[in-house]
PDB file of N, CA and C in Angstrom:
ATOM      1  N   MET A   1    -107.617 -81.483 170.565  1.00  0.00           N
ATOM      2  CA  MET A   1    -107.131 -79.870 170.779  1.00  0.00           C
ATOM      3  C   MET A   1    -108.507 -79.356 169.536  1.00  0.00           C
ATOM      4  N   PRO A   2    -109.277 -78.210 169.535  1.00  0.00           N
ATOM      5  CA  PRO A   2    -109.733 -78.003 168.207  1.00  0.00           C
ATOM      6  C   PRO A   2    -109.460 -77.338 167.106  1.00  0.00           C
ATOM      7  N   LYS A   3    -109.771 -77.285 166.022  1.00  0.00           N
ATOM      8  CA  LYS A   3    -108.782 -76.685 165.037  1.00  0.00           C
ATOM      9  C   LYS A   3    -109.148 -75.430 165.377  1.00  0.00           C
ATOM     10  N   LEU A   4    -107.765 -74.447 164.513  1.00  0.00           N
ATOM     11  CA  LEU A   4    -107.072 -73.214 164.633  1.00  0.00           C
ATOM     12  C   LEU A   4    -108.238 -72.332 163.540  1.00  0.00           C
ATOM     13  N   LYS A   5    -108.991 -71.504 164.255  1.00  0.00           N
ATOM     14  CA  LYS A   5    -109.616 -70.128 163.239  1.00  0.00           C
ATOM     15  C   LYS A   5    -108.572 -69.421 162.159  1.00  0.00           C
ATOM     16  N   THR A   6    -108.776 -69.605 161.351  1.00  0.00           N
ATOM     17  CA  THR A   6    -108.168 -68.695 160.078  1.00  0.00           C
ATOM     18  C   THR A   6    -108.232 -67.132 160.257  1.00  0.00           C
ATOM     19  N   HIS A   7    -107.513 -66.153 160.648  1.00  0.00           N
ATOM     20  CA  HIS A   7    -107.808 -64.878 160.546  1.00  0.00           C
ATOM     21  C   HIS A   7    -107.947 -64.230 158.976  1.00  0.00           C
ATOM     22  N   ARG A   8    -109.362 -64.200 158.591  1.00  0.00           N
ATOM     23  CA  ARG A   8    -109.837 -64.130 157.065  1.00  0.00           C
ATOM     24  C   ARG A   8    -109.572 -62.303 156.721  1.00  0.00           C
ATOM     25  N   ALA A   9    -108.609 -61.671 157.345  1.00  0.00           N
ATOM     26  CA  ALA A   9    -108.211 -60.361 157.087  1.00  0.00           C
ATOM     27  C   ALA A   9    -106.827 -60.798 156.256  1.00  0.00           C
ATOM     28  N   ALA A  10    -106.448 -61.453 157.382  1.00  0.00           N
ATOM     29  CA  ALA A  10    -104.339 -61.891 156.768  1.00  0.00           C
ATOM     30  C   ALA A  10    -104.657 -62.959 155.351  1.00  0.00           C
ATOM     31  N   ALA A  11    -105.393 -64.159 155.940  1.00  0.00           N
ATOM     32  CA  ALA A  11    -105.768 -64.458 154.259  1.00  0.00           C
ATOM     33  C   ALA A  11    -105.919 -64.017 153.158  1.00  0.00           C
ATOM     34  N   LYS A  12    -106.679 -62.684 153.347  1.00  0.00           N
ATOM     35  CA  LYS A  12    -107.050 -62.122 151.821  1.00  0.00           C
ATOM     36  C   LYS A  12    -106.013 -61.165 151.539  1.00  0.00           C
ATOM     37  N   ARG A  13    -104.906 -61.037 152.460  1.00  0.00           N
ATOM     38  CA  ARG A  13    -104.040 -60.159 152.080  1.00  0.00           C
ATOM     39  C   ARG A  13    -102.589 -60.818 151.947  1.00  0.00           C
ATOM     40  N   PHE A  14    -102.691 -62.077 152.435  1.00  0.00           N
ATOM     41  CA  PHE A  14    -101.152 -62.777 152.057  1.00  0.00           C
ATOM     42  C   PHE A  14    -101.567 -64.091 151.795  1.00  0.00           C
ATOM     43  N   SER A  15    -100.619 -64.938 151.142  1.00  0.00           N
ATOM     44  CA  SER A  15    -100.259 -66.147 150.578  1.00  0.00           C
ATOM     45  C   SER A  15     -99.114 -66.735 150.549  1.00  0.00           C
ATOM     46  N   LEU A  16     -99.234 -67.801 150.973  1.00  0.00           N
ATOM     47  CA  LEU A  16     -97.832 -68.472 151.128  1.00  0.00           C
ATOM     48  C   LEU A  16     -97.201 -69.224 150.072  1.00  0.00           C
ATOM     49  N   THR A  17     -96.168 -69.182 149.467  1.00  0.00           N
ATOM     50  CA  THR A  17     -95.481 -69.781 148.440  1.00  0.00           C
ATOM     51  C   THR A  17     -95.252 -71.273 149.215  1.00  0.00           C
ATOM     52  N   LYS A  18     -94.325 -71.958 148.010  1.00  0.00           N
ATOM     53  CA  LYS A  18     -93.970 -73.543 148.077  1.00  0.00           C
ATOM     54  C   LYS A  18     -93.360 -73.780 149.465  1.00  0.00           C
ATOM     55  N   ASN A  19     -92.388 -72.720 148.847  1.00  0.00           N
ATOM     56  CA  ASN A  19     -91.075 -72.645 149.732  1.00  0.00           C
ATOM     57  C   ASN A  19     -91.579 -72.224 151.328  1.00  0.00           C
ATOM     58  N   GLY A  20     -92.660 -72.353 151.425  1.00  0.00           N
ATOM     59  CA  GLY A  20     -92.697 -70.984 152.942  1.00  0.00           C
ATOM     60  C   GLY A  20     -92.762 -69.779 153.074  1.00  0.00           C
ATOM     61  N   LYS A  21     -92.926 -69.206 152.231  1.00  0.00           N
ATOM     62  CA  LYS A  21     -92.670 -67.855 152.337  1.00  0.00           C
ATOM     63  C   LYS A  21     -93.633 -67.012 152.355  1.00  0.00           C
ATOM     64  N   VAL A  22     -93.370 -65.839 152.413  1.00  0.00           N
ATOM     65  CA  VAL A  22     -95.407 -65.351 152.600  1.00  0.00           C
ATOM     66  C   VAL A  22     -94.930 -64.141 151.542  1.00  0.00           C
ATOM     67  N   LYS A  23     -96.096 -64.116 150.766  1.00  0.00           N
ATOM     68  CA  LYS A  23     -96.126 -63.244 149.679  1.00  0.00           C
ATOM     69  C   LYS A  23     -97.033 -61.845 149.879  1.00  0.00           C
ATOM     70  N   ARG A  24     -97.046 -61.006 149.789  1.00  0.00           N
ATOM     71  CA  ARG A  24     -97.687 -59.411 150.381  1.00  0.00           C
ATOM     72  C   ARG A  24     -97.829 -58.676 149.220  1.00  0.00           C
ATOM     73  N   GLY A  25     -99.133 -57.877 148.912  1.00  0.00           N
ATOM     74  CA  GLY A  25     -98.879 -57.277 147.800  1.00  0.00           C
ATOM     75  C   GLY A  25     -98.588 -55.559 148.709  1.00  0.00           C
ATOM     76  N   SER A  26     -97.899 -54.618 147.724  1.00  0.00           N
ATOM     77  CA  SER A  26     -97.307 -53.203 147.954  1.00  0.00           C
ATOM     78  C   SER A  26     -98.548 -52.251 149.130  1.00  0.00           C
ATOM     79  N   ALA A  27     -97.967 -51.380 149.404  1.00  0.00           N
ATOM     80  CA  ALA A  27     -98.585 -50.488 149.921  1.00  0.00           C
ATOM     81  C   ALA A  27     -98.609 -49.321 149.412  1.00  0.00           C
ATOM     82  N   PHE A  28     -99.570 -48.344 149.555  1.00  0.00           N
ATOM     83  CA  PHE A  28     -99.368 -46.875 148.959  1.00  0.00           C
ATOM     84  C   PHE A  28     -99.605 -47.049 147.404  1.00  0.00           C
ATOM     85  N   ARG A  29    -100.830 -47.783 147.147  1.00  0.00           N
ATOM     86  CA  ARG A  29    -101.399 -47.813 145.608  1.00  0.00           C
ATOM     87  C   ARG A  29    -102.589 -47.330 145.641  1.00  0.00           C
ATOM     88  N   SER A  30    -103.267 -47.087 146.794  1.00  0.00           N
ATOM     89  CA  SER A  30    -104.765 -46.931 146.491  1.00  0.00           C
ATOM     90  C   SER A  30    -105.091 -45.502 146.033  1.00  0.00           C
ATOM     91  N   HIS A  31    -104.626 -44.586 146.681  1.00  0.00           N
ATOM     92  CA  HIS A  31    -105.250 -43.349 146.125  1.00  0.00           C
ATOM     93  C   HIS A  31    -104.081 -42.547 146.408  1.00  0.00           C
ATOM     94  N   ILE A  32    -104.358 -41.080 145.714  1.00  0.00           N
ATOM     95  CA  ILE A  32    -103.712 -40.009 146.079  1.00  0.00           C
ATOM     96  C   ILE A  32    -102.302 -40.660 144.904  1.00  0.00           C
ATOM     97  N   LEU A  33    -102.484 -40.694 143.918  1.00  0.00           N
ATOM     98  CA  LEU A  33    -102.015 -41.456 142.773  1.00  0.00           C
ATOM     99  C   LEU A  33    -101.445 -40.248 142.083  1.00  0.00           C
ATOM    100  N   THR A  34    -101.799 -38.853 141.925  1.00  0.00           N
ATOM    101  CA  THR A  34    -101.584 -38.248 140.784  1.00  0.00           C
ATOM    102  C   THR A  34     -99.625 -37.666 141.270  1.00  0.00           C
ATOM    103  N   LYS A  35     -99.631 -37.227 142.385  1.00  0.00           N
ATOM    104  CA  LYS A  35     -98.163 -37.051 142.938  1.00  0.00           C
ATOM    105  C   LYS A  35     -97.068 -38.100 142.989  1.00  0.00           C
ATOM    106  N   LYS A  36     -97.495 -39.178 142.627  1.00  0.00           N
ATOM    107  CA  LYS A  36     -96.691 -40.548 142.375  1.00  0.00           C
ATOM    108  C   LYS A  36     -96.428 -40.683 140.835  1.00  0.00           C
ATOM    109  N   THR A  37     -95.144 -40.694 140.824  1.00  0.00           N
ATOM    110  CA  THR A  37     -94.474 -41.058 139.046  1.00  0.00           C
ATOM    111  C   THR A  37     -94.991 -42.395 138.500  1.00  0.00           C
ATOM    112  N   THR A  38     -94.817 -42.530 137.555  1.00  0.00           N
ATOM    113  CA  THR A  38     -95.175 -43.598 136.701  1.00  0.00           C
ATOM    114  C   THR A  38     -94.390 -44.790 137.457  1.00  0.00           C
ATOM    115  N   LYS A  39     -93.172 -44.562 137.384  1.00  0.00           N
ATOM    116  CA  LYS A  39     -92.127 -45.446 137.600  1.00  0.00           C
ATOM    117  C   LYS A  39     -92.830 -46.270 139.001  1.00  0.00           C
ATOM    118  N   ARG A  40     -93.162 -45.158 140.182  1.00  0.00           N
ATOM    119  CA  ARG A  40     -92.832 -45.570 141.229  1.00  0.00           C
ATOM    120  C   ARG A  40     -94.375 -46.513 141.037  1.00  0.00           C
ATOM    121  N   LYS A  41     -95.500 -46.096 140.696  1.00  0.00           N
ATOM    122  CA  LYS A  41     -96.863 -46.742 140.545  1.00  0.00           C
ATOM    123  C   LYS A  41     -96.552 -47.971 139.850  1.00  0.00           C
ATOM    124  N   ARG A  42     -95.607 -47.973 138.707  1.00  0.00           N
ATOM    125  CA  ARG A  42     -95.539 -49.246 138.369  1.00  0.00           C
ATOM    126  C   ARG A  42     -94.526 -50.296 138.904  1.00  0.00           C
ATOM    127  N   GLY A  43     -93.769 -49.982 139.910  1.00  0.00           N
ATOM    128  CA  GLY A  43     -93.205 -50.599 140.745  1.00  0.00           C
ATOM    129  C   GLY A  43     -93.881 -51.177 142.099  1.00  0.00           C
ATOM    130  N   LEU A  44     -95.251 -50.688 142.123  1.00  0.00           N
ATOM    131  CA  LEU A  44     -96.109 -51.127 143.302  1.00  0.00           C
ATOM    132  C   LEU A  44     -96.808 -51.991 143.271  1.00  0.00           C
ATOM    133  N   ARG A  45     -97.207 -52.296 141.637  1.00  0.00           N
ATOM    134  CA  ARG A  45     -97.708 -53.086 141.367  1.00  0.00           C
ATOM    135  C   ARG A  45     -97.114 -54.952 141.497  1.00  0.00           C
ATOM    136  N   LYS A  46     -95.924 -55.051 141.951  1.00  0.00           N
ATOM    137  CA  LYS A  46     -95.378 -56.127 142.224  1.00  0.00           C
ATOM    138  C   LYS A  46     -95.399 -57.007 143.025  1.00  0.00           C
ATOM    139  N   MET A  47     -95.624 -58.088 143.426  1.00  0.00           N
ATOM    140  CA  MET A  47     -95.475 -58.739 144.936  1.00  0.00           C
ATOM    141  C   MET A  47     -94.317 -58.980 145.476  1.00  0.00           C
ATOM    142  N   ALA A  48     -94.321 -58.665 146.856  1.00  0.00           N
ATOM    143  CA  ALA A  48     -93.415 -58.728 147.190  1.00  0.00           C
ATOM    144  C   ALA A  48     -92.933 -59.644 148.832  1.00  0.00           C
ATOM    145  N   TYR A  49     -91.922 -59.807 149.221  1.00  0.00           N
ATOM    146  CA  TYR A  49     -91.921 -61.067 150.450  1.00  0.00           C
ATOM    147  C   TYR A  49     -92.207 -60.561 151.389  1.00  0.00           C
ATOM    148  N   ALA A  50     -92.879 -60.830 153.027  1.00  0.00           N
ATOM    149  CA  ALA A  50     -92.789 -60.365 153.972  1.00  0.00           C
ATOM    150  C   ALA A  50     -91.389 -60.527 154.498  1.00  0.00           C
ATOM    151  N   SER A  51     -91.320 -59.731 155.549  1.00  0.00           N
ATOM    152  CA  SER A  51     -89.587 -59.754 156.264  1.00  0.00           C
ATOM    153  C   SER A  51     -89.824 -61.465 156.932  1.00  0.00           C
ATOM    154  N   PRO A  52     -88.706 -62.010 157.232  1.00  0.00           N
ATOM    155  CA  PRO A  52     -88.539 -63.092 157.961  1.00  0.00           C
ATOM    156  C   PRO A  52     -89.286 -62.859 159.538  1.00  0.00           C
ATOM    157  N   ALA A  53     -89.278 -62.230 159.924  1.00  0.00           N
ATOM    158  CA  ALA A  53     -89.866 -61.360 161.503  1.00  0.00           C
ATOM    159  C   ALA A  53     -91.522 -61.210 161.084  1.00  0.00           C
ATOM    160  N   ASN A  54     -92.010 -60.269 160.048  1.00  0.00           N
ATOM    161  CA  ASN A  54     -93.176 -60.398 160.268  1.00  0.00           C
ATOM    162  C   ASN A  54     -94.066 -61.819 159.758  1.00  0.00           C
ATOM    163  N   ALA A  55     -93.246 -62.451 158.877  1.00  0.00           N
ATOM    164  CA  ALA A  55     -93.634 -63.858 158.267  1.00  0.00           C
ATOM    165  C   ALA A  55     -93.732 -64.766 159.168  1.00  0.00           C
ATOM    166  N   LYS A  56     -93.508 -64.870 160.041  1.00  0.00           N
ATOM    167  CA  LYS A  56     -93.618 -65.932 161.351  1.00  0.00           C
ATOM    168  C   LYS A  56     -94.528 -65.633 162.189  1.00  0.00           C
ATOM    169  N   VAL A  57     -94.983 -64.296 162.029  1.00  0.00           N
ATOM    170  CA  VAL A  57     -96.784 -63.970 162.786  1.00  0.00           C
ATOM    171  C   VAL A  57     -97.645 -64.284 161.754  1.00  0.00           C
ATOM    172  N   ILE A  58     -97.642 -63.790 160.656  1.00  0.00           N
ATOM    173  CA  ILE A  58     -98.340 -64.055 159.413  1.00  0.00           C
ATOM    174  C   ILE A  58     -98.635 -65.546 159.499  1.00  0.00           C
ATOM    175  N   LYS A  59     -97.805 -66.534 159.420  1.00  0.00           N
ATOM    176  CA  LYS A  59     -97.910 -67.757 159.213  1.00  0.00           C
ATOM    177  C   LYS A  59     -98.851 -68.326 160.784  1.00  0.00           C
ATOM    178  N   LYS A  60     -98.639 -67.878 161.617  1.00  0.00           N
ATOM    179  CA  LYS A  60     -99.628 -68.011 162.612  1.00  0.00           C
ATOM    180  C   LYS A  60    -101.563 -68.010 162.529  1.00  0.00           C
ATOM    181  N   LEU A  61    -101.121 -66.864 161.772  1.00  0.00           N
ATOM    182  CA  LEU A  61    -102.782 -66.294 161.330  1.00  0.00           C
ATOM    183  C   LEU A  61    -103.398 -67.130 160.842  1.00  0.00           C
ATOM    184  N   ILE A  62    -102.599 -67.649 159.569  1.00  0.00           N
ATOM    185  CA  ILE A  62    -103.016 -68.643 158.227  1.00  0.00           C
ATOM    186  C   ILE A  62    -102.708 -69.724 158.524  1.00  0.00           C
ATOM    187  N   PRO A  63    -102.786 -70.813 159.672  1.00  0.00           N
ATOM    188  CA  PRO A  63    -102.634 -71.951 159.386  1.00  0.00           C
ATOM    189  C   PRO A  63    -102.873 -73.053 158.874  1.00  0.00           C
ATOM    190  N   TYR A  64    -104.090 -73.201 157.767  1.00  0.00           N
ATOM    191  CA  TYR A  64    -104.306 -73.875 157.003  1.00  0.00           C
ATOM    192  C   TYR A  64    -103.843 -73.941 155.605  1.00  0.00           C
ATOM    193  N   LYS A  65    -103.252 -72.619 155.108  1.00  0.00           N
ATOM    194  CA  LYS A  65    -103.208 -72.070 153.471  1.00  0.00           C
ATOM    195  C   LYS A  65    -101.808 -72.600 153.492  1.00  0.00           C
TER     196      LYS A  65
END
């Protein structure tokens, strides 16, 4: 069986932890930041984990990470 190709866009956006969870960045942080509160923007800096349902799909896209 041939090697699977990694989905490059997914590889740039997600990373796997040692325990197999999928780490992701937060959305809503790229533009129109003036109307968002400082507290909200600070919270968006933090990394989060993908939901188990979404993680299942993401893991298929990045098989060798």
